[in-house]
Amino acid sequence: MKQKIVMKVSMNCQKCKTKALKVVAAANGVNFMGLEGDDKVVVVGDGVDAVKLAKALRKKIGHTDILSLGEVKAN
């Protein structure tokens, strides 16, 4: 089952955004990732652990909150 995770990450500069995307890309099961606005990271994948991903982002970037977690419906 694919799930969509939206996280709010404190990203102040382009370097922080790049680091955040690298952390997300290294996670297991990620199929799609992207930025939404200036401070949100969207991840879609199969079997992605949202808590582990949030902990990794907190360790590398800074304050991270999980805003939403839900299933992606297949077309």
C-alpha atoms as a PDB file:
ATOM      1  CA  MET A   1       0.000   0.000   0.000  1.00  0.00           C
ATOM      2  CA  LYS A   2       1.403   3.385  -0.983  1.00  0.00           C
ATOM      3  CA  GLN A   3       1.255   6.153   1.542  1.00  0.00           C
ATOM      4  CA  LYS A   4       1.666   9.912   1.355  1.00  0.00           C
ATOM      5  CA  ILE A   5       3.555  11.698   4.126  1.00  0.00           C
ATOM      6  CA  VAL A   6       3.647  15.475   4.474  1.00  0.00           C
ATOM      7  CA  MET A   7       6.215  16.914   6.899  1.00  0.00           C
ATOM      8  CA  LYS A   8       6.982  20.445   7.960  1.00  0.00           C
ATOM      9  CA  VAL A   9      10.749  20.934   8.097  1.00  0.00           C
ATOM     10  CA  SER A  10      12.555  24.097   9.166  1.00  0.00           C
ATOM     11  CA  MET A  11      14.497  24.887   5.976  1.00  0.00           C
ATOM     12  CA  ASN A  12      15.992  28.368   5.836  1.00  0.00           C
ATOM     13  CA  CYS A  13      18.156  28.159   2.727  1.00  0.00           C
ATOM     14  CA  GLN A  14      18.616  26.222  -0.497  1.00  0.00           C
ATOM     15  CA  LYS A  15      21.373  24.136   1.087  1.00  0.00           C
ATOM     16  CA  CYS A  16      18.948  22.936   3.777  1.00  0.00           C
ATOM     17  CA  LYS A  17      16.370  22.006   1.132  1.00  0.00           C
ATOM     18  CA  THR A  18      18.974  20.000  -0.768  1.00  0.00           C
ATOM     19  CA  LYS A  19      20.065  18.201   2.407  1.00  0.00           C
ATOM     20  CA  ALA A  20      16.443  17.382   3.261  1.00  0.00           C
ATOM     21  CA  LEU A  21      15.811  15.879  -0.176  1.00  0.00           C
ATOM     22  CA  LYS A  22      19.010  13.804   0.102  1.00  0.00           C
ATOM     23  CA  VAL A  23      17.858  12.408   3.464  1.00  0.00           C
ATOM     24  CA  VAL A  24      14.440  11.536   2.014  1.00  0.00           C
ATOM     25  CA  ALA A  25      15.987   9.942  -1.090  1.00  0.00           C
ATOM     26  CA  ALA A  26      18.113   7.665   1.103  1.00  0.00           C
ATOM     27  CA  ALA A  27      15.026   6.273   2.893  1.00  0.00           C
ATOM     28  CA  ASN A  28      13.758   2.813   1.964  1.00  0.00           C
ATOM     29  CA  GLY A  29      10.629   2.567  -0.168  1.00  0.00           C
ATOM     30  CA  VAL A  30      10.442   6.155  -1.440  1.00  0.00           C
ATOM     31  CA  ASN A  31       8.855   6.429  -4.899  1.00  0.00           C
ATOM     32  CA  PHE A  32       8.283  10.188  -5.109  1.00  0.00           C
ATOM     33  CA  MET A  33       9.492  13.177  -3.113  1.00  0.00           C
ATOM     34  CA  GLY A  34       9.102  16.872  -3.523  1.00  0.00           C
ATOM     35  CA  LEU A  35       8.871  20.243  -1.871  1.00  0.00           C
ATOM     36  CA  GLU A  36       5.573  21.983  -1.260  1.00  0.00           C
ATOM     37  CA  GLY A  37       6.005  25.644  -0.486  1.00  0.00           C
ATOM     38  CA  ASP A  38       9.013  26.770   1.504  1.00  0.00           C
ATOM     39  CA  ASP A  39       8.797  24.415   4.452  1.00  0.00           C
ATOM     40  CA  LYS A  40       6.954  21.212   3.507  1.00  0.00           C
ATOM     41  CA  VAL A  41       8.363  17.946   2.203  1.00  0.00           C
ATOM     42  CA  VAL A  42       6.003  15.481   0.486  1.00  0.00           C
ATOM     43  CA  VAL A  43       6.986  11.806   0.316  1.00  0.00           C
ATOM     44  CA  VAL A  44       5.064   9.036  -1.470  1.00  0.00           C
ATOM     45  CA  GLY A  45       6.226   5.480  -1.142  1.00  0.00           C
ATOM     46  CA  ASP A  46       5.559   1.901  -0.210  1.00  0.00           C
ATOM     47  CA  GLY A  47       6.527   0.889   3.325  1.00  0.00           C
ATOM     48  CA  VAL A  48       8.133   4.210   4.294  1.00  0.00           C
ATOM     49  CA  ASP A  49       8.471   4.588   8.060  1.00  0.00           C
ATOM     50  CA  ALA A  50       7.359   8.144   8.818  1.00  0.00           C
ATOM     51  CA  VAL A  51       8.829   8.203  12.325  1.00  0.00           C
ATOM     52  CA  LYS A  52      12.288   7.043  11.196  1.00  0.00           C
ATOM     53  CA  LEU A  53      12.199   9.555   8.360  1.00  0.00           C
ATOM     54  CA  ALA A  54      11.246  12.371  10.737  1.00  0.00           C
ATOM     55  CA  LYS A  55      14.055  11.386  13.126  1.00  0.00           C
ATOM     56  CA  ALA A  56      16.587  11.391  10.287  1.00  0.00           C
ATOM     57  CA  LEU A  57      15.415  14.837   9.149  1.00  0.00           C
ATOM     58  CA  ARG A  58      15.611  16.156  12.720  1.00  0.00           C
ATOM     59  CA  LYS A  59      19.159  14.853  13.031  1.00  0.00           C
ATOM     60  CA  LYS A  60      20.389  16.402   9.752  1.00  0.00           C
ATOM     61  CA  ILE A  61      18.220  19.515   9.316  1.00  0.00           C
ATOM     62  CA  GLY A  62      16.417  20.521  12.484  1.00  0.00           C
ATOM     63  CA  HIS A  63      12.865  20.765  13.758  1.00  0.00           C
ATOM     64  CA  THR A  64      10.504  18.442  11.851  1.00  0.00           C
ATOM     65  CA  ASP A  65       6.777  17.783  12.315  1.00  0.00           C
ATOM     66  CA  ILE A  66       4.636  15.151  10.627  1.00  0.00           C
ATOM     67  CA  LEU A  67       1.603  17.020   9.306  1.00  0.00           C
ATOM     68  CA  SER A  68      -0.301  14.230   7.587  1.00  0.00           C
ATOM     69  CA  LEU A  69      -0.038  10.551   6.847  1.00  0.00           C
ATOM     70  CA  GLY A  70      -2.452   8.768   4.548  1.00  0.00           C
ATOM     71  CA  GLU A  71      -2.943   6.224   1.816  1.00  0.00           C
ATOM     72  CA  VAL A  72      -2.660   7.045  -1.875  1.00  0.00           C
ATOM     73  CA  LYS A  73      -5.542   5.644  -3.887  1.00  0.00           C
ATOM     74  CA  ALA A  74      -4.634   3.783  -7.073  1.00  0.00           C
ATOM     75  CA  ASN A  75      -6.150   4.965 -10.329  1.00  0.00           C
END
